[in-house]
C-alpha atoms as a PDB file:
ATOM      1  CA  MET A   1       0.760 -24.659   5.302  1.00  0.00           C
ATOM      2  CA  GLN A   2      -1.492 -21.979   6.792  1.00  0.00           C
ATOM      3  CA  TYR A   3       0.526 -19.267   5.048  1.00  0.00           C
ATOM      4  CA  ILE A   4       0.350 -21.103   1.705  1.00  0.00           C
ATOM      5  CA  LEU A   5      -3.418 -21.545   2.031  1.00  0.00           C
ATOM      6  CA  ALA A   6      -3.966 -17.908   3.029  1.00  0.00           C
ATOM      7  CA  MET A   7      -1.953 -16.676   0.056  1.00  0.00           C
ATOM      8  CA  GLY A   8      -3.604 -19.194  -2.268  1.00  0.00           C
ATOM      9  CA  VAL A   9      -7.140 -18.123  -1.355  1.00  0.00           C
ATOM     10  CA  SER A  10      -6.446 -14.399  -1.846  1.00  0.00           C
ATOM     11  CA  LEU A  11      -4.523 -15.033  -5.086  1.00  0.00           C
ATOM     12  CA  LEU A  12      -7.136 -17.313  -6.660  1.00  0.00           C
ATOM     13  CA  LEU A  13     -10.015 -15.073  -5.623  1.00  0.00           C
ATOM     14  CA  ALA A  14      -8.343 -12.021  -7.128  1.00  0.00           C
ATOM     15  CA  ALA A  15      -7.382 -13.889 -10.302  1.00  0.00           C
ATOM     16  CA  PHE A  16     -10.802 -15.444 -10.924  1.00  0.00           C
ATOM     17  CA  VAL A  17     -12.984 -12.518  -9.822  1.00  0.00           C
ATOM     18  CA  MET A  18     -11.029  -9.992 -11.915  1.00  0.00           C
ATOM     19  CA  PRO A  19     -12.462 -10.882 -15.382  1.00  0.00           C
ATOM     20  CA  VAL A  20     -16.039 -10.635 -14.042  1.00  0.00           C
ATOM     21  CA  VAL A  21     -15.429  -7.235 -12.420  1.00  0.00           C
ATOM     22  CA  MET A  22     -13.577  -6.003 -15.532  1.00  0.00           C
ATOM     23  CA  LYS A  23     -16.583  -6.832 -17.737  1.00  0.00           C
ATOM     24  CA  LEU A  24     -18.870  -5.012 -15.310  1.00  0.00           C
ATOM     25  CA  ALA A  25     -16.561  -1.973 -15.251  1.00  0.00           C
ATOM     26  CA  ILE A  26     -16.534  -1.803 -19.056  1.00  0.00           C
ATOM     27  CA  LYS A  27     -20.332  -2.133 -19.145  1.00  0.00           C
ATOM     28  CA  LEU A  28     -20.687   0.727 -16.635  1.00  0.00           C
ATOM     29  CA  GLN A  29     -17.966   2.747 -18.450  1.00  0.00           C
ATOM     30  CA  PHE A  30     -15.929   2.759 -15.250  1.00  0.00           C
ATOM     31  CA  THR A  31     -12.749   3.126 -17.282  1.00  0.00           C
ATOM     32  CA  ASP A  32      -9.664   5.326 -17.399  1.00  0.00           C
ATOM     33  CA  LYS A  33      -9.505   7.346 -20.619  1.00  0.00           C
ATOM     34  CA  PRO A  34      -6.188   8.271 -22.289  1.00  0.00           C
ATOM     35  CA  THR A  35      -5.064  11.888 -21.758  1.00  0.00           C
ATOM     36  CA  LYS A  36      -1.857  13.873 -22.342  1.00  0.00           C
ATOM     37  CA  ARG A  37      -0.576  12.801 -18.925  1.00  0.00           C
ATOM     38  CA  LYS A  38      -1.946   9.247 -19.130  1.00  0.00           C
ATOM     39  CA  GLN A  39      -0.507   7.711 -22.243  1.00  0.00           C
ATOM     40  CA  HIS A  40      -2.210   4.306 -22.337  1.00  0.00           C
ATOM     41  CA  LYS A  41      -3.728   3.644 -25.753  1.00  0.00           C
ATOM     42  CA  LYS A  42      -7.284   2.584 -24.900  1.00  0.00           C
ATOM     43  CA  GLU A  43      -9.923   2.848 -22.197  1.00  0.00           C
ATOM     44  CA  THR A  44      -8.931   0.575 -19.304  1.00  0.00           C
ATOM     45  CA  PRO A  45     -11.153  -0.705 -16.445  1.00  0.00           C
ATOM     46  CA  LEU A  46     -10.457   1.007 -13.095  1.00  0.00           C
ATOM     47  CA  CYS A  47     -11.609  -1.887 -10.937  1.00  0.00           C
ATOM     48  CA  GLY A  48      -8.364  -3.435  -9.645  1.00  0.00           C
ATOM     49  CA  GLY A  49      -8.816  -1.965  -6.169  1.00  0.00           C
ATOM     50  CA  VAL A  50     -12.186  -3.700  -5.701  1.00  0.00           C
ATOM     51  CA  VAL A  51     -10.693  -7.070  -6.613  1.00  0.00           C
ATOM     52  CA  ILE A  52      -7.665  -6.627  -4.315  1.00  0.00           C
ATOM     53  CA  TYR A  53     -10.110  -5.704  -1.539  1.00  0.00           C
ATOM     54  CA  ILE A  54     -12.221  -8.841  -2.125  1.00  0.00           C
ATOM     55  CA  GLY A  55      -9.240 -11.193  -2.375  1.00  0.00           C
ATOM     56  CA  PHE A  56      -7.552  -9.794   0.723  1.00  0.00           C
ATOM     57  CA  PHE A  57     -10.504  -9.504   3.104  1.00  0.00           C
ATOM     58  CA  VAL A  58     -12.091 -12.866   2.313  1.00  0.00           C
ATOM     59  CA  SER A  59      -8.765 -14.463   3.215  1.00  0.00           C
ATOM     60  CA  TYR A  60      -8.370 -12.051   6.159  1.00  0.00           C
ATOM     61  CA  PHE A  61     -11.578 -13.204   7.848  1.00  0.00           C
ATOM     62  CA  LEU A  62     -11.053 -16.862   6.938  1.00  0.00           C
ATOM     63  CA  PHE A  63      -7.563 -17.241   8.365  1.00  0.00           C
ATOM     64  CA  ILE A  64      -7.119 -14.624  11.099  1.00  0.00           C
ATOM     65  CA  LYS A  65      -8.915 -15.817  14.218  1.00  0.00           C
ATOM     66  CA  SER A  66      -9.254 -13.294  17.033  1.00  0.00           C
ATOM     67  CA  GLU A  67      -7.819 -14.576  20.310  1.00  0.00           C
ATOM     68  CA  ASN A  68      -9.418 -11.894  22.516  1.00  0.00           C
ATOM     69  CA  PRO A  69     -12.095  -9.145  22.294  1.00  0.00           C
ATOM     70  CA  GLN A  70      -9.532  -6.380  21.617  1.00  0.00           C
ATOM     71  CA  GLN A  71      -8.036  -8.300  18.712  1.00  0.00           C
ATOM     72  CA  HIS A  72     -11.525  -8.940  17.304  1.00  0.00           C
ATOM     73  CA  GLN A  73     -12.323  -5.223  17.592  1.00  0.00           C
ATOM     74  CA  GLN A  74      -9.085  -4.333  15.798  1.00  0.00           C
ATOM     75  CA  GLN A  75      -9.929  -6.749  12.997  1.00  0.00           C
ATOM     76  CA  ILE A  76     -13.349  -5.133  12.498  1.00  0.00           C
ATOM     77  CA  VAL A  77     -11.882  -1.611  12.653  1.00  0.00           C
ATOM     78  CA  VAL A  78      -9.245  -2.487  10.024  1.00  0.00           C
ATOM     79  CA  PHE A  79     -12.030  -3.780   7.761  1.00  0.00           C
ATOM     80  CA  ILE A  80     -14.242  -0.707   8.266  1.00  0.00           C
ATOM     81  CA  SER A  81     -11.332   1.724   7.828  1.00  0.00           C
ATOM     82  CA  ALA A  82     -10.088  -0.023   4.685  1.00  0.00           C
ATOM     83  CA  THR A  83     -13.643   0.005   3.300  1.00  0.00           C
ATOM     84  CA  LEU A  84     -13.787   3.791   3.829  1.00  0.00           C
ATOM     85  CA  ILE A  85     -10.472   4.158   1.989  1.00  0.00           C
ATOM     86  CA  LEU A  86     -11.737   2.005  -0.885  1.00  0.00           C
ATOM     87  CA  LEU A  87     -15.051   3.863  -1.168  1.00  0.00           C
ATOM     88  CA  ILE A  88     -13.577   7.377  -1.237  1.00  0.00           C
ATOM     89  CA  GLY A  89     -11.060   6.091  -3.792  1.00  0.00           C
ATOM     90  CA  LEU A  90     -13.883   4.697  -5.945  1.00  0.00           C
ATOM     91  CA  ILE A  91     -15.637   8.073  -5.859  1.00  0.00           C
ATOM     92  CA  ASP A  92     -12.374   9.699  -6.929  1.00  0.00           C
ATOM     93  CA  ASP A  93     -12.003   7.114  -9.714  1.00  0.00           C
ATOM     94  CA  TYR A  94     -15.600   7.724 -10.843  1.00  0.00           C
ATOM     95  CA  TYR A  95     -14.799  11.412 -11.334  1.00  0.00           C
ATOM     96  CA  LYS A  96     -11.739  10.419 -13.387  1.00  0.00           C
ATOM     97  CA  THR A  97     -13.860   8.167 -15.613  1.00  0.00           C
ATOM     98  CA  ARG A  98     -15.880  11.309 -16.415  1.00  0.00           C
ATOM     99  CA  LEU A  99     -12.657  13.310 -16.981  1.00  0.00           C
ATOM    100  CA  LYS A 100     -13.327  15.410 -13.878  1.00  0.00           C
ATOM    101  CA  GLU A 101     -11.282  16.092 -10.739  1.00  0.00           C
ATOM    102  CA  PHE A 102     -12.606  15.061  -7.343  1.00  0.00           C
ATOM    103  CA  PRO A 103     -11.942  17.673  -4.589  1.00  0.00           C
ATOM    104  CA  ILE A 104      -8.950  16.949  -2.331  1.00  0.00           C
ATOM    105  CA  PHE A 105     -10.623  17.881   0.968  1.00  0.00           C
ATOM    106  CA  PRO A 106     -13.112  14.937   1.206  1.00  0.00           C
ATOM    107  CA  ARG A 107     -10.265  12.492   0.462  1.00  0.00           C
ATOM    108  CA  LEU A 108      -8.086  13.994   3.186  1.00  0.00           C
ATOM    109  CA  VAL A 109     -10.921  13.891   5.722  1.00  0.00           C
ATOM    110  CA  VAL A 110     -11.764  10.225   5.035  1.00  0.00           C
ATOM    111  CA  GLN A 111      -8.102   9.134   5.041  1.00  0.00           C
ATOM    112  CA  LEU A 112      -7.477  10.931   8.342  1.00  0.00           C
ATOM    113  CA  LEU A 113     -10.695   9.492   9.825  1.00  0.00           C
ATOM    114  CA  ALA A 114      -9.642   5.962   8.821  1.00  0.00           C
ATOM    115  CA  ALA A 115      -6.208   6.483  10.379  1.00  0.00           C
ATOM    116  CA  ILE A 116      -7.752   7.819  13.613  1.00  0.00           C
ATOM    117  CA  LEU A 117     -10.092   4.806  13.828  1.00  0.00           C
ATOM    118  CA  VAL A 118      -7.086   2.492  13.561  1.00  0.00           C
ATOM    119  CA  PHE A 119      -5.186   4.393  16.264  1.00  0.00           C
ATOM    120  CA  ASN A 120      -8.189   4.398  18.619  1.00  0.00           C
ATOM    121  CA  ALA A 121      -8.445   0.615  18.182  1.00  0.00           C
ATOM    122  CA  GLY A 122      -4.961   0.267  19.671  1.00  0.00           C
ATOM    123  CA  ILE A 123      -2.919  -0.145  16.491  1.00  0.00           C
ATOM    124  CA  GLY A 124      -0.127   2.408  16.407  1.00  0.00           C
ATOM    125  CA  PHE A 125       3.454   3.361  17.090  1.00  0.00           C
ATOM    126  CA  MET A 126       3.453   3.083  20.879  1.00  0.00           C
ATOM    127  CA  GLY A 127       7.163   3.296  21.676  1.00  0.00           C
ATOM    128  CA  PHE A 128      10.547   1.667  21.155  1.00  0.00           C
ATOM    129  CA  THR A 129      13.053  -0.532  22.948  1.00  0.00           C
ATOM    130  CA  ASN A 130      16.043   1.295  24.412  1.00  0.00           C
ATOM    131  CA  PRO A 131      19.063  -0.462  22.788  1.00  0.00           C
ATOM    132  CA  PHE A 132      21.261   0.229  25.835  1.00  0.00           C
ATOM    133  CA  THR A 133      18.956  -0.880  28.653  1.00  0.00           C
ATOM    134  CA  GLY A 134      16.583  -3.229  26.825  1.00  0.00           C
ATOM    135  CA  GLU A 135      13.607  -1.410  28.376  1.00  0.00           C
ATOM    136  CA  PHE A 136      10.550  -0.494  26.333  1.00  0.00           C
ATOM    137  CA  VAL A 137      10.046   3.271  26.261  1.00  0.00           C
ATOM    138  CA  VAL A 138       6.365   4.191  25.998  1.00  0.00           C
ATOM    139  CA  LEU A 139       5.788   7.479  24.171  1.00  0.00           C
ATOM    140  CA  SER A 140       3.198  10.058  25.213  1.00  0.00           C
ATOM    141  CA  LYS A 141      -0.271   9.724  23.684  1.00  0.00           C
ATOM    142  CA  THR A 142       0.260  12.903  21.671  1.00  0.00           C
ATOM    143  CA  ILE A 143       3.478  11.610  20.066  1.00  0.00           C
ATOM    144  CA  GLN A 144       1.912   8.164  19.505  1.00  0.00           C
ATOM    145  CA  PHE A 145      -1.024   9.803  17.733  1.00  0.00           C
ATOM    146  CA  PHE A 146       1.132  12.093  15.585  1.00  0.00           C
ATOM    147  CA  LEU A 147       3.549   9.333  14.478  1.00  0.00           C
ATOM    148  CA  THR A 148       0.765   6.826  13.772  1.00  0.00           C
ATOM    149  CA  ILE A 149      -1.434   9.198  11.745  1.00  0.00           C
ATOM    150  CA  THR A 150       1.582  10.558   9.845  1.00  0.00           C
ATOM    151  CA  TRP A 151       2.775   7.043   8.976  1.00  0.00           C
ATOM    152  CA  ILE A 152      -0.633   5.760   7.819  1.00  0.00           C
ATOM    153  CA  PHE A 153      -1.449   8.893   5.847  1.00  0.00           C
ATOM    154  CA  GLY A 154       2.071   9.098   4.400  1.00  0.00           C
ATOM    155  CA  VAL A 155       2.311   5.493   3.174  1.00  0.00           C
ATOM    156  CA  THR A 156      -1.221   5.633   1.754  1.00  0.00           C
ATOM    157  CA  THR A 157      -0.246   8.735  -0.209  1.00  0.00           C
ATOM    158  CA  VAL A 158       3.161   7.588  -1.508  1.00  0.00           C
ATOM    159  CA  ILE A 159       1.793   4.304  -2.880  1.00  0.00           C
ATOM    160  CA  ASN A 160      -0.975   6.254  -4.605  1.00  0.00           C
ATOM    161  CA  TRP A 161       1.517   8.696  -6.123  1.00  0.00           C
ATOM    162  CA  SER A 162       3.648   5.775  -7.333  1.00  0.00           C
ATOM    163  CA  ASP A 163       0.814   4.396  -9.448  1.00  0.00           C
ATOM    164  CA  GLY A 164       1.953   5.833 -12.754  1.00  0.00           C
ATOM    165  CA  MET A 165       2.953   2.834 -14.896  1.00  0.00           C
ATOM    166  CA  ASP A 166       1.704  -0.676 -15.531  1.00  0.00           C
ATOM    167  CA  GLY A 167       2.686  -2.941 -12.655  1.00  0.00           C
ATOM    168  CA  LEU A 168       4.625  -0.274 -10.728  1.00  0.00           C
ATOM    169  CA  ALA A 169       2.550   0.437  -7.595  1.00  0.00           C
ATOM    170  CA  GLY A 170       1.562  -3.221  -7.450  1.00  0.00           C
ATOM    171  CA  GLY A 171       5.187  -4.323  -7.785  1.00  0.00           C
ATOM    172  CA  ILE A 172       6.409  -1.948  -5.069  1.00  0.00           C
ATOM    173  CA  SER A 173       3.589  -3.098  -2.780  1.00  0.00           C
ATOM    174  CA  LEU A 174       4.362  -6.748  -3.538  1.00  0.00           C
ATOM    175  CA  ILE A 175       8.024  -6.402  -2.560  1.00  0.00           C
ATOM    176  CA  SER A 176       7.050  -4.508   0.603  1.00  0.00           C
ATOM    177  CA  ALA A 177       4.474  -7.148   1.585  1.00  0.00           C
ATOM    178  CA  ILE A 178       7.011  -9.960   1.025  1.00  0.00           C
ATOM    179  CA  THR A 179       9.524  -8.046   3.162  1.00  0.00           C
ATOM    180  CA  PHE A 180       6.972  -7.595   5.962  1.00  0.00           C
ATOM    181  CA  PHE A 181       6.184 -11.323   5.764  1.00  0.00           C
ATOM    182  CA  ALA A 182       9.854 -12.293   6.070  1.00  0.00           C
ATOM    183  CA  ALA A 183      10.330  -9.883   8.983  1.00  0.00           C
ATOM    184  CA  ALA A 184       7.224 -11.232  10.748  1.00  0.00           C
ATOM    185  CA  ILE A 185       8.528 -14.797  10.431  1.00  0.00           C
ATOM    186  CA  ILE A 186      11.888 -13.751  11.919  1.00  0.00           C
ATOM    187  CA  LEU A 187      10.172 -11.798  14.717  1.00  0.00           C
ATOM    188  CA  LYS A 188       7.666 -14.651  15.282  1.00  0.00           C
ATOM    189  CA  GLN A 189       4.596 -12.499  14.634  1.00  0.00           C
ATOM    190  CA  ASN A 190       2.007 -14.900  13.232  1.00  0.00           C
ATOM    191  CA  ILE A 191      -0.844 -12.437  12.576  1.00  0.00           C
ATOM    192  CA  SER A 192       1.456  -9.944  10.852  1.00  0.00           C
ATOM    193  CA  ALA A 193       2.888 -12.768   8.736  1.00  0.00           C
ATOM    194  CA  LEU A 194      -0.600 -13.912   7.741  1.00  0.00           C
ATOM    195  CA  THR A 195      -1.715 -10.385   6.870  1.00  0.00           C
ATOM    196  CA  SER A 196       1.388  -9.838   4.748  1.00  0.00           C
ATOM    197  CA  ILE A 197       1.196 -13.130   2.854  1.00  0.00           C
ATOM    198  CA  MET A 198      -2.503 -12.810   2.008  1.00  0.00           C
ATOM    199  CA  LEU A 199      -1.774  -9.309   0.721  1.00  0.00           C
ATOM    200  CA  VAL A 200       0.984 -10.849  -1.419  1.00  0.00           C
ATOM    201  CA  GLY A 201      -1.596 -13.245  -2.893  1.00  0.00           C
ATOM    202  CA  ALA A 202      -4.134 -10.508  -3.671  1.00  0.00           C
ATOM    203  CA  ILE A 203      -1.464  -8.361  -5.336  1.00  0.00           C
ATOM    204  CA  LEU A 204      -0.176 -11.282  -7.432  1.00  0.00           C
ATOM    205  CA  GLY A 205      -3.724 -12.006  -8.634  1.00  0.00           C
ATOM    206  CA  PHE A 206      -4.058  -8.356  -9.653  1.00  0.00           C
ATOM    207  CA  LEU A 207      -0.609  -8.094 -11.261  1.00  0.00           C
ATOM    208  CA  TYR A 208      -1.429 -10.954 -13.627  1.00  0.00           C
ATOM    209  CA  TYR A 209      -3.799  -8.501 -15.352  1.00  0.00           C
ATOM    210  CA  ASN A 210      -1.868  -5.304 -14.610  1.00  0.00           C
ATOM    211  CA  ARG A 211       1.537  -6.249 -16.057  1.00  0.00           C
ATOM    212  CA  TYR A 212       2.541  -4.369 -19.208  1.00  0.00           C
ATOM    213  CA  PRO A 213       0.449  -3.792 -21.280  1.00  0.00           C
ATOM    214  CA  ALA A 214      -2.151  -3.546 -18.510  1.00  0.00           C
ATOM    215  CA  LYS A 215      -5.663  -4.894 -19.002  1.00  0.00           C
ATOM    216  CA  VAL A 216      -6.827  -3.250 -15.774  1.00  0.00           C
ATOM    217  CA  PHE A 217      -5.753  -0.426 -13.453  1.00  0.00           C
ATOM    218  CA  MET A 218      -6.027  -0.409  -9.654  1.00  0.00           C
ATOM    219  CA  GLY A 219      -7.129   3.225  -9.621  1.00  0.00           C
ATOM    220  CA  ASP A 220      -6.866   5.539  -6.632  1.00  0.00           C
ATOM    221  CA  SER A 221      -9.109   3.107  -4.760  1.00  0.00           C
ATOM    222  CA  GLY A 222      -6.592   0.277  -5.138  1.00  0.00           C
ATOM    223  CA  ALA A 223      -3.430   2.334  -4.626  1.00  0.00           C
ATOM    224  CA  ASN A 224      -4.792   3.993  -1.475  1.00  0.00           C
ATOM    225  CA  LEU A 225      -6.048   0.639  -0.193  1.00  0.00           C
ATOM    226  CA  LEU A 226      -2.650  -1.033  -0.683  1.00  0.00           C
ATOM    227  CA  GLY A 227      -0.816   1.835   1.010  1.00  0.00           C
ATOM    228  CA  PHE A 228      -3.296   1.809   3.899  1.00  0.00           C
ATOM    229  CA  ILE A 229      -3.018  -1.951   4.522  1.00  0.00           C
ATOM    230  CA  LEU A 230       0.780  -1.874   4.207  1.00  0.00           C
ATOM    231  CA  SER A 231       1.000   0.935   6.766  1.00  0.00           C
ATOM    232  CA  ILE A 232      -1.173  -0.970   9.257  1.00  0.00           C
ATOM    233  CA  THR A 233       0.772  -4.190   8.675  1.00  0.00           C
ATOM    234  CA  ALA A 234       3.984  -2.358   9.573  1.00  0.00           C
ATOM    235  CA  LEU A 235       2.420  -0.837  12.705  1.00  0.00           C
ATOM    236  CA  ASP A 236       1.138  -4.204  13.873  1.00  0.00           C
ATOM    237  CA  GLY A 237       4.373  -5.962  12.879  1.00  0.00           C
ATOM    238  CA  ALA A 238       7.876  -4.512  12.648  1.00  0.00           C
ATOM    239  CA  PHE A 239       6.949  -1.261  14.411  1.00  0.00           C
ATOM    240  CA  LYS A 240       5.153  -3.216  17.142  1.00  0.00           C
ATOM    241  CA  GLN A 241       8.414  -5.001  17.963  1.00  0.00           C
ATOM    242  CA  ALA A 242      10.025  -1.551  17.893  1.00  0.00           C
ATOM    243  CA  THR A 243      13.656  -2.585  18.248  1.00  0.00           C
ATOM    244  CA  VAL A 244      16.263  -0.378  16.607  1.00  0.00           C
ATOM    245  CA  LEU A 245      16.633  -2.797  13.690  1.00  0.00           C
ATOM    246  CA  SER A 246      12.942  -3.544  13.184  1.00  0.00           C
ATOM    247  CA  LEU A 247      12.238   0.191  12.837  1.00  0.00           C
ATOM    248  CA  PHE A 248      14.264   0.213   9.615  1.00  0.00           C
ATOM    249  CA  ILE A 249      12.309  -2.601   7.938  1.00  0.00           C
ATOM    250  CA  PRO A 250       9.163  -0.711   6.807  1.00  0.00           C
ATOM    251  CA  ILE A 251      11.152   2.406   5.922  1.00  0.00           C
ATOM    252  CA  LEU A 252      13.666   0.477   3.788  1.00  0.00           C
ATOM    253  CA  ALA A 253      10.941  -1.705   2.231  1.00  0.00           C
ATOM    254  CA  LEU A 254       9.139   1.461   1.091  1.00  0.00           C
ATOM    255  CA  ALA A 255      12.308   3.518   0.559  1.00  0.00           C
ATOM    256  CA  VAL A 256      11.786   4.213  -3.153  1.00  0.00           C
ATOM    257  CA  PRO A 257       8.240   5.666  -2.959  1.00  0.00           C
ATOM    258  CA  ILE A 258       8.922   7.433   0.362  1.00  0.00           C
ATOM    259  CA  PHE A 259      12.086   9.273  -0.675  1.00  0.00           C
ATOM    260  CA  ASP A 260      10.982   9.844  -4.271  1.00  0.00           C
ATOM    261  CA  ASN A 261       7.760  11.491  -3.135  1.00  0.00           C
ATOM    262  CA  LEU A 262       9.572  13.585  -0.533  1.00  0.00           C
ATOM    263  CA  PHE A 263      11.641  14.861  -3.468  1.00  0.00           C
ATOM    264  CA  VAL A 264       8.437  15.504  -5.464  1.00  0.00           C
ATOM    265  CA  ILE A 265       6.860  17.445  -2.578  1.00  0.00           C
ATOM    266  CA  PHE A 266       9.995  19.570  -2.156  1.00  0.00           C
ATOM    267  CA  LYS A 267      10.177  20.212  -5.921  1.00  0.00           C
ATOM    268  CA  ARG A 268       6.537  21.264  -6.191  1.00  0.00           C
ATOM    269  CA  PHE A 269       6.822  23.430  -3.085  1.00  0.00           C
ATOM    270  CA  SER A 270       9.993  25.137  -4.326  1.00  0.00           C
ATOM    271  CA  GLU A 271       8.330  25.839  -7.705  1.00  0.00           C
ATOM    272  CA  GLY A 272       5.266  27.298  -5.994  1.00  0.00           C
ATOM    273  CA  LYS A 273       2.952  24.519  -7.212  1.00  0.00           C
ATOM    274  CA  PRO A 274       0.199  22.916  -5.094  1.00  0.00           C
ATOM    275  CA  VAL A 275       1.596  19.765  -3.450  1.00  0.00           C
ATOM    276  CA  TYR A 276      -1.336  17.645  -4.686  1.00  0.00           C
ATOM    277  CA  GLN A 277      -1.235  18.954  -8.262  1.00  0.00           C
ATOM    278  CA  ALA A 278      -0.484  15.970 -10.483  1.00  0.00           C
ATOM    279  CA  ASP A 279       2.524  16.303 -12.772  1.00  0.00           C
ATOM    280  CA  ARG A 280       5.338  14.139 -14.129  1.00  0.00           C
ATOM    281  CA  SER A 281       7.853  14.667 -11.299  1.00  0.00           C
ATOM    282  CA  GLN A 282       7.967  11.096  -9.972  1.00  0.00           C
ATOM    283  CA  ILE A 283      10.974   8.864 -10.606  1.00  0.00           C
ATOM    284  CA  HIS A 284       9.130   6.703 -13.157  1.00  0.00           C
ATOM    285  CA  PHE A 285       8.350   9.734 -15.307  1.00  0.00           C
ATOM    286  CA  ARG A 286      11.883  11.093 -14.949  1.00  0.00           C
ATOM    287  CA  LEU A 287      13.349   7.757 -16.061  1.00  0.00           C
ATOM    288  CA  GLU A 288      10.948   7.626 -19.007  1.00  0.00           C
ATOM    289  CA  GLU A 289      12.097  11.078 -20.105  1.00  0.00           C
ATOM    290  CA  LYS A 290      15.675   9.753 -20.105  1.00  0.00           C
ATOM    291  CA  GLY A 291      14.723   7.139 -22.685  1.00  0.00           C
ATOM    292  CA  PHE A 292      13.769   4.131 -20.556  1.00  0.00           C
ATOM    293  CA  THR A 293      10.867   2.021 -21.839  1.00  0.00           C
ATOM    294  CA  PRO A 294       7.941   1.448 -19.431  1.00  0.00           C
ATOM    295  CA  LYS A 295       9.131  -2.131 -18.818  1.00  0.00           C
ATOM    296  CA  GLN A 296      12.679  -0.963 -18.112  1.00  0.00           C
ATOM    297  CA  VAL A 297      11.439   1.730 -15.725  1.00  0.00           C
ATOM    298  CA  VAL A 298       9.363  -0.742 -13.696  1.00  0.00           C
ATOM    299  CA  ASN A 299      12.165  -3.346 -13.641  1.00  0.00           C
ATOM    300  CA  TYR A 300      14.729  -0.736 -12.588  1.00  0.00           C
ATOM    301  CA  ILE A 301      12.585   0.522  -9.697  1.00  0.00           C
ATOM    302  CA  MET A 302      11.732  -3.043  -8.653  1.00  0.00           C
ATOM    303  CA  ILE A 303      15.429  -3.937  -8.462  1.00  0.00           C
ATOM    304  CA  ILE A 304      16.180  -0.894  -6.297  1.00  0.00           C
ATOM    305  CA  SER A 305      13.221  -1.706  -4.016  1.00  0.00           C
ATOM    306  CA  LEU A 306      14.354  -5.324  -3.767  1.00  0.00           C
ATOM    307  CA  ILE A 307      17.885  -4.288  -2.795  1.00  0.00           C
ATOM    308  CA  PHE A 308      16.601  -1.997  -0.014  1.00  0.00           C
ATOM    309  CA  SER A 309      14.215  -4.700   1.224  1.00  0.00           C
ATOM    310  CA  ALA A 310      16.879  -7.410   1.168  1.00  0.00           C
ATOM    311  CA  PHE A 311      19.226  -5.112   3.087  1.00  0.00           C
ATOM    312  CA  SER A 312      16.589  -4.583   5.809  1.00  0.00           C
ATOM    313  CA  ILE A 313      16.137  -8.350   6.255  1.00  0.00           C
ATOM    314  CA  ILE A 314      19.915  -8.931   6.311  1.00  0.00           C
ATOM    315  CA  LEU A 315      20.207  -6.289   9.047  1.00  0.00           C
ATOM    316  CA  LEU A 316      17.512  -8.041  11.027  1.00  0.00           C
ATOM    317  CA  LEU A 317      19.096 -11.481  10.628  1.00  0.00           C
ATOM    318  CA  THR A 318      22.657 -10.427  11.385  1.00  0.00           C
ATOM    319  CA  LYS A 319      21.624  -7.986  14.173  1.00  0.00           C
ATOM    320  CA  ILE A 320      24.299  -5.517  13.136  1.00  0.00           C
END
């Protein structure tokens, strides 16, 4: 019942707050304009990230009760770090509404700062269980730091880069959040399960308006926020358990954006292009060029993501 309530609050908040924020965004001209690369037909509000943020964190503070001072500190740090991610994303989105490009360096600095804050609060990849002895192997602080920052920064980036079609980044994030919820239930991790299910609710509330043809976009603020929260949920959930099987869950759940964007990075690098230079290299653009409609592209990628996610849960259940 607690899970249903947590999801319900985040979903309803996102669904009912969205029209109000959309009207405000239109009034302030905080909208994404059509360009050669962005082929939507009319100006679209870029406020989805704000609504996801509201829906998720209201539920987050209502339903997650800190059991000790460290847990309370982690909760506050997650909120502050996610707020930083949202704000730098909103600045980036503001530049886009004026058909300008926001510099990469400030974004990198803020994203790295947010990741470091999370690590310093005690949320990170600390080690793994030796499958032969059953002992937990604690990694050195340097390796813990490197793996944690790389994971948070990487997932934040790949979700952002996947936001290229109506419902796509939201759909990928939804499947990942559902997978993390299922894994948390199996691993008996109540806080991770709550975090995942309230994220599911916030995404569903957003997707109601973002499905094709989209009435609102999440923007860089929303895509970065979703990636950031997903990365932390994995660190405090499946990665925290750190068994051989649980390590595969986040990677398989996010397999499509992770491996597609590794391909994109390699392609841009091999062609001598800047890694962060936007183009049409991602899988959704490649499928569109092959004749798929936007709906078909999103459905195709969702099916692949679902198969990978289902496989990760089957592995966990069967303990192969």
